[in-house]
Amino acid sequence: MTPVFFEGMFGLGDNIYQRPFLRHFPGAFIRTPWPELYSDLDVHCVRSNTVLRTQRKNEIRTDHDFAVQPKNAKTTRICYGPQELESGGIIDAFRKQFGVPGPLVFDLPSFNDLHRRIPTDCRIAVIRPATVRTEWASASRNPDPHYLNVAARMLRQLGFFVVSVADTEPGVEWIVGPVPAADLTLHKGELSLTQLCTLYERAACVVSPVGFSIPMAIAYNTPLFVVAGGRGGHNAPEVVTDPAMPLEKTRWAIPANYCRCTDANHNCDKTIADFEEKFYGWLHEVVF
């Protein structure tokens, strides 16, 4: 039988999006720097050898055994670009490339690997600060960091233990604006992938810009509040989520004059009207 090999994408969020489709290909091979995400599926992970910083870090420190790329395999390249994002979104692009219209199960393995500095006796809220990285700069996508700081402050006032998570490095990836006020700041990539997943699974809620938080929180059925910025042509709700996903606990705060551009550096209007009321409403409707 001819092996099936997928040349997968390397982004953390993209690999979470790929997972529901790979479930339909038992015994398949996937090139990925995030093998832990597929540890409970019947798939074989092939080392990516990527030079991308965060991905390479995980590939070096993972305990997962990588498989050898099969010879004479039926190979399919999985990817999306501006055309796919603007015409249907990530999940729609993957449906076509994998050839799987559905059904799709959006989940992730449970790792039970909580970082020692994160308490187990309180309600945890995860904050993702807005960052820019040189590998894939998209400043226009980020929200105004003011709103993330407002959310962090409100969460602490309501008794949540706020954990702010990022993987920064001087000159390579940095936080935009003031650092969110948090009870625990882990901004230097202190969390392994399994610790990050455990944090998202156990959290009472997640507040984040567009990024990997969206598929990760949804996969763990964790309440998610997405603070949108600009570049909506590539980052709007209908682009990065799909009706097939369980979205009952997910809400968005979108700028009143939401910019639908596709420019990574456009000066988009990121003003969100009545942010505190929207955030407070989500907390009491979904989280409490």
Protein backbone atom coordinates (compact mmCIF):
# COMPACT_ATOMS: atom_id res chain seq x y z
CA MET A 1 0.00 0.00 0.00
CA THR A 2 1.38 3.42 -0.98
CA PRO A 3 2.20 5.56 2.08
CA VAL A 4 0.43 8.90 2.43
CA PHE A 5 2.69 11.84 3.26
CA PHE A 6 1.59 15.38 4.03
CA GLU A 7 4.01 18.30 3.77
CA GLY A 8 2.40 20.15 6.63
CA MET A 9 2.61 23.75 7.78
CA PHE A 10 4.90 24.72 10.64
CA GLY A 11 2.88 27.27 12.63
CA LEU A 12 1.53 26.12 15.99
CA GLY A 13 -2.00 27.24 15.20
CA ASP A 14 -1.83 25.77 11.71
CA ASN A 15 -0.92 22.37 13.14
CA ILE A 16 -3.94 22.48 15.44
CA TYR A 17 -6.10 23.31 12.42
CA GLN A 18 -4.55 20.34 10.54
CA ARG A 19 -5.31 17.83 13.29
CA PRO A 20 -9.05 17.22 12.56
CA PHE A 21 -8.16 16.33 8.97
CA LEU A 22 -5.27 14.00 9.79
CA ARG A 23 -7.65 11.93 11.91
CA HIS A 24 -9.12 10.76 8.59
CA PHE A 25 -5.78 9.30 7.43
CA PRO A 26 -4.70 6.53 9.83
CA GLY A 27 -1.09 5.52 9.26
CA ALA A 28 -0.26 8.74 7.36
CA PHE A 29 2.97 10.71 7.71
CA ILE A 30 3.08 14.45 8.47
CA ARG A 31 6.04 16.81 8.45
CA THR A 32 5.77 18.92 11.61
CA PRO A 33 7.82 20.54 14.37
CA TRP A 34 4.93 19.91 16.82
CA PRO A 35 4.62 16.10 17.11
CA GLU A 36 2.98 16.27 20.55
CA LEU A 37 -0.19 17.62 18.96
CA TYR A 38 -0.73 14.28 17.17
CA SER A 39 0.42 11.96 19.96
CA ASP A 40 -2.98 10.29 20.34
CA LEU A 41 -3.62 9.85 16.60
CA ASP A 42 -2.45 7.09 14.30
CA VAL A 43 -0.05 9.31 12.35
CA HIS A 44 3.73 9.37 12.00
CA CYS A 45 5.53 12.68 12.48
CA VAL A 46 8.54 13.52 10.33
CA ARG A 47 11.11 16.06 11.49
CA SER A 48 10.76 19.44 9.81
CA ASN A 49 14.35 20.71 10.26
CA THR A 50 12.91 24.21 10.16
CA VAL A 51 14.97 27.29 11.03
CA LEU A 52 11.91 29.08 12.45
CA ARG A 53 12.82 30.00 16.02
CA THR A 54 9.97 28.77 18.22
CA GLN A 55 9.29 25.73 16.07
CA ARG A 56 12.95 24.73 16.08
CA LYS A 57 13.10 25.05 19.87
CA ASN A 58 10.26 22.57 20.25
CA GLU A 59 11.71 20.16 17.71
CA ILE A 60 15.01 20.13 19.59
CA ARG A 61 13.61 19.61 23.07
CA THR A 62 10.71 17.26 22.34
CA ASP A 63 10.84 13.67 23.62
CA HIS A 64 8.77 12.51 20.68
CA ASP A 65 10.35 10.00 18.30
CA PHE A 66 10.29 11.18 14.71
CA ALA A 67 9.67 8.86 11.79
CA VAL A 68 11.67 8.69 8.56
CA GLN A 69 10.00 10.19 5.52
CA PRO A 70 8.65 7.28 3.47
CA LYS A 71 9.92 6.64 -0.03
CA ASN A 72 7.55 6.64 -2.99
CA ALA A 73 4.78 8.16 -0.87
CA LYS A 74 1.73 9.93 -2.22
CA THR A 75 2.66 13.48 -1.18
CA THR A 76 0.26 16.37 -0.60
CA ARG A 77 1.36 19.91 0.24
CA ILE A 78 -0.80 21.57 2.90
CA CYS A 79 -0.72 25.36 2.86
CA TYR A 80 -2.76 28.50 2.41
CA GLY A 81 -1.98 31.95 1.12
CA PRO A 82 -3.75 35.25 0.61
CA GLN A 83 -6.05 33.84 -2.08
CA GLU A 84 -7.30 31.02 0.16
CA LEU A 85 -7.77 33.32 3.15
CA GLU A 86 -9.72 35.85 1.16
CA SER A 87 -11.93 33.29 -0.60
CA GLY A 88 -12.95 30.97 2.22
CA GLY A 89 -10.63 30.83 5.21
CA ILE A 90 -8.24 28.32 6.76
CA ILE A 91 -10.61 25.40 7.38
CA ASP A 92 -12.13 25.72 3.92
CA ALA A 93 -8.66 25.64 2.34
CA PHE A 94 -7.75 22.53 4.34
CA ARG A 95 -10.99 20.81 3.39
CA LYS A 96 -10.02 21.12 -0.26
CA GLN A 97 -6.35 20.16 0.19
CA PHE A 98 -6.96 17.15 2.43
CA GLY A 99 -10.05 16.18 0.44
CA VAL A 100 -12.08 15.80 3.65
CA PRO A 101 -15.40 17.69 3.67
CA GLY A 102 -16.29 16.41 7.17
CA PRO A 103 -17.15 15.54 9.83
CA LEU A 104 -14.38 17.28 11.77
CA VAL A 105 -13.47 16.82 15.44
CA PHE A 106 -11.64 19.79 16.96
CA ASP A 107 -9.74 18.60 20.03
CA LEU A 108 -6.24 18.15 21.47
CA PRO A 109 -4.59 15.58 23.76
CA SER A 110 -4.53 16.10 27.53
CA PHE A 111 -0.97 16.23 28.85
CA ASN A 112 -1.37 16.94 32.58
CA ASP A 113 1.89 18.91 32.60
CA LEU A 114 1.14 22.12 34.48
CA HIS A 115 4.14 24.40 35.06
CA ARG A 116 5.25 24.41 38.71
CA ARG A 117 4.75 28.17 39.06
CA ILE A 118 1.06 28.02 38.09
CA PRO A 119 -1.26 27.36 41.07
CA THR A 120 -3.89 24.64 41.03
CA ASP A 121 -6.24 26.10 43.65
CA CYS A 122 -7.60 29.16 41.82
CA ARG A 123 -9.31 30.29 38.61
CA ILE A 124 -6.66 30.89 35.96
CA ALA A 125 -7.02 33.40 33.14
CA VAL A 126 -4.54 33.34 30.26
CA ILE A 127 -3.53 36.59 28.55
CA ARG A 128 -1.60 36.67 25.31
CA PRO A 129 0.09 40.06 24.79
CA ALA A 130 0.34 41.59 21.33
CA THR A 131 3.73 40.79 19.81
CA VAL A 132 5.63 41.35 16.57
CA ARG A 133 8.28 38.99 15.26
CA THR A 134 10.76 39.49 12.48
CA GLU A 135 10.08 36.08 10.91
CA TRP A 136 6.51 37.01 10.04
CA ALA A 137 5.84 40.63 10.89
CA SER A 138 2.17 41.63 10.96
CA ALA A 139 1.84 44.69 13.16
CA SER A 140 -1.51 45.62 11.61
CA ARG A 141 -3.08 42.36 12.83
CA ASN A 142 -2.47 43.19 16.48
CA PRO A 143 -5.11 44.98 18.56
CA ASP A 144 -4.44 48.15 20.44
CA PRO A 145 -2.59 46.70 23.49
CA HIS A 146 -4.63 49.01 25.72
CA TYR A 147 -7.56 46.60 25.49
CA LEU A 148 -5.50 43.60 26.56
CA ASN A 149 -4.31 45.57 29.56
CA VAL A 150 -7.89 46.54 30.43
CA ALA A 151 -8.92 42.89 30.25
CA ALA A 152 -5.99 41.79 32.45
CA ARG A 153 -6.83 44.42 35.04
CA MET A 154 -10.51 43.47 35.12
CA LEU A 155 -9.68 39.79 35.48
CA ARG A 156 -7.40 40.43 38.44
CA GLN A 157 -10.02 42.62 40.09
CA LEU A 158 -12.51 39.77 39.72
CA GLY A 159 -10.17 37.35 41.49
CA PHE A 160 -8.62 35.46 38.58
CA PHE A 161 -4.96 34.44 38.68
CA VAL A 162 -3.74 36.01 35.43
CA VAL A 163 -0.92 34.32 33.50
CA SER A 164 0.60 36.24 30.59
CA VAL A 165 2.35 33.99 28.06
CA ALA A 166 4.71 34.77 25.19
CA ASP A 167 8.02 33.67 23.66
CA THR A 168 10.00 36.85 23.16
CA GLU A 169 13.64 37.43 22.27
CA PRO A 170 15.36 40.82 21.89
CA GLY A 171 15.43 41.94 18.28
CA VAL A 172 13.50 38.86 17.13
CA GLU A 173 10.09 38.98 18.82
CA TRP A 174 8.86 41.66 21.19
CA ILE A 175 5.73 42.84 22.98
CA VAL A 176 3.91 45.84 21.59
CA GLY A 177 3.00 48.50 24.13
CA PRO A 178 2.84 48.07 27.90
CA VAL A 179 3.16 44.54 29.27
CA PRO A 180 -0.23 43.31 30.59
CA ALA A 181 -0.51 43.37 34.37
CA ALA A 182 -0.43 39.73 35.47
CA ASP A 183 0.08 37.60 38.55
CA LEU A 184 2.59 35.50 36.60
CA THR A 185 4.52 36.62 33.53
CA LEU A 186 6.05 33.94 31.31
CA HIS A 187 7.32 35.87 28.32
CA LYS A 188 10.59 34.11 27.49
CA GLY A 189 9.24 30.79 26.24
CA GLU A 190 9.40 29.20 29.68
CA LEU A 191 6.53 26.85 28.86
CA SER A 192 7.05 23.70 26.85
CA LEU A 193 4.32 22.81 24.37
CA THR A 194 2.77 20.26 26.73
CA GLN A 195 2.80 22.82 29.56
CA LEU A 196 1.20 25.43 27.30
CA CYS A 197 -1.51 22.98 26.27
CA THR A 198 -2.15 22.02 29.89
CA LEU A 199 -2.46 25.68 30.84
CA TYR A 200 -5.03 26.30 28.09
CA GLU A 201 -6.98 23.18 29.01
CA ARG A 202 -7.18 24.05 32.71
CA ALA A 203 -7.73 27.80 32.33
CA ALA A 204 -11.07 29.32 33.20
CA CYS A 205 -10.69 31.60 30.18
CA VAL A 206 -8.28 32.88 27.54
CA VAL A 207 -7.98 36.45 26.23
CA SER A 208 -5.85 36.88 23.13
CA PRO A 209 -5.22 38.59 19.82
CA VAL A 210 -5.61 36.52 16.66
CA GLY A 211 -3.13 33.63 16.71
CA PHE A 212 -2.69 30.07 17.94
CA SER A 213 -4.88 30.82 20.98
CA ILE A 214 -7.97 30.59 18.79
CA PRO A 215 -7.70 26.94 17.71
CA MET A 216 -6.04 25.86 20.99
CA ALA A 217 -8.71 27.32 23.27
CA ILE A 218 -11.52 26.05 21.03
CA ALA A 219 -9.98 22.57 20.93
CA TYR A 220 -9.95 22.48 24.74
CA ASN A 221 -13.46 23.99 24.98
CA THR A 222 -12.01 26.85 27.04
CA PRO A 223 -13.90 30.17 27.00
CA LEU A 224 -12.11 32.50 24.57
CA PHE A 225 -12.28 36.25 24.08
CA VAL A 226 -10.49 37.43 20.93
CA VAL A 227 -9.42 41.07 20.78
CA ALA A 228 -9.20 41.97 17.11
CA GLY A 229 -6.97 44.58 15.55
CA GLY A 230 -6.74 45.12 11.81
CA ARG A 231 -5.82 43.31 8.60
CA GLY A 232 -9.27 41.77 8.62
CA GLY A 233 -8.90 40.43 5.10
CA HIS A 234 -6.68 37.70 6.54
CA ASN A 235 -7.77 37.63 10.21
CA ALA A 236 -11.53 38.15 10.46
CA PRO A 237 -13.63 35.64 12.45
CA GLU A 238 -14.90 33.92 9.30
CA VAL A 239 -11.30 33.47 8.10
CA VAL A 240 -9.71 31.95 11.23
CA THR A 241 -12.77 30.04 12.49
CA ASP A 242 -15.44 27.95 10.80
CA PRO A 243 -19.05 26.99 11.53
CA ALA A 244 -17.86 23.39 12.00
CA MET A 245 -15.89 24.48 15.06
CA PRO A 246 -17.54 24.57 18.53
CA LEU A 247 -17.76 28.34 18.97
CA GLU A 248 -20.35 28.60 21.76
CA LYS A 249 -17.79 29.91 24.26
CA THR A 250 -15.94 32.21 21.86
CA ARG A 251 -16.60 35.94 21.54
CA TRP A 252 -14.85 38.70 19.59
CA ALA A 253 -14.24 42.37 20.32
CA ILE A 254 -13.94 43.92 16.86
CA PRO A 255 -13.09 47.55 16.07
CA ALA A 256 -16.08 49.65 15.12
CA ASN A 257 -14.39 50.60 11.84
CA TYR A 258 -12.94 47.14 11.23
CA CYS A 259 -10.26 47.35 8.57
CA ARG A 260 -10.51 44.60 5.96
CA CYS A 261 -7.11 45.31 4.46
CA THR A 262 -4.47 42.64 3.81
CA ASP A 263 -1.47 44.89 4.49
CA ALA A 264 0.87 43.75 7.27
CA ASN A 265 1.83 47.35 8.11
CA HIS A 266 -1.33 49.34 7.44
CA ASN A 267 -2.35 51.91 10.05
CA CYS A 268 -5.72 50.27 10.71
CA ASP A 269 -8.29 51.89 12.98
CA LYS A 270 -8.30 49.60 16.04
CA THR A 271 -10.73 51.50 18.25
CA ILE A 272 -13.24 49.17 19.93
CA ALA A 273 -16.40 50.80 21.21
CA ASP A 274 -17.63 49.87 24.71
CA PHE A 275 -14.86 47.33 25.23
CA GLU A 276 -15.32 46.96 28.98
CA GLU A 277 -19.05 46.32 28.62
CA LYS A 278 -18.44 43.67 25.94
CA PHE A 279 -15.75 41.96 27.97
CA TYR A 280 -17.75 42.02 31.18
CA GLY A 281 -20.79 40.68 29.35
CA TRP A 282 -18.80 37.72 27.98
CA LEU A 283 -17.39 36.96 31.43
CA HIS A 284 -20.83 36.76 33.00
CA GLU A 285 -22.49 35.03 30.08
CA VAL A 286 -19.83 32.40 29.40
CA VAL A 287 -17.14 32.21 32.10
CA PHE A 288 -18.98 32.62 35.41
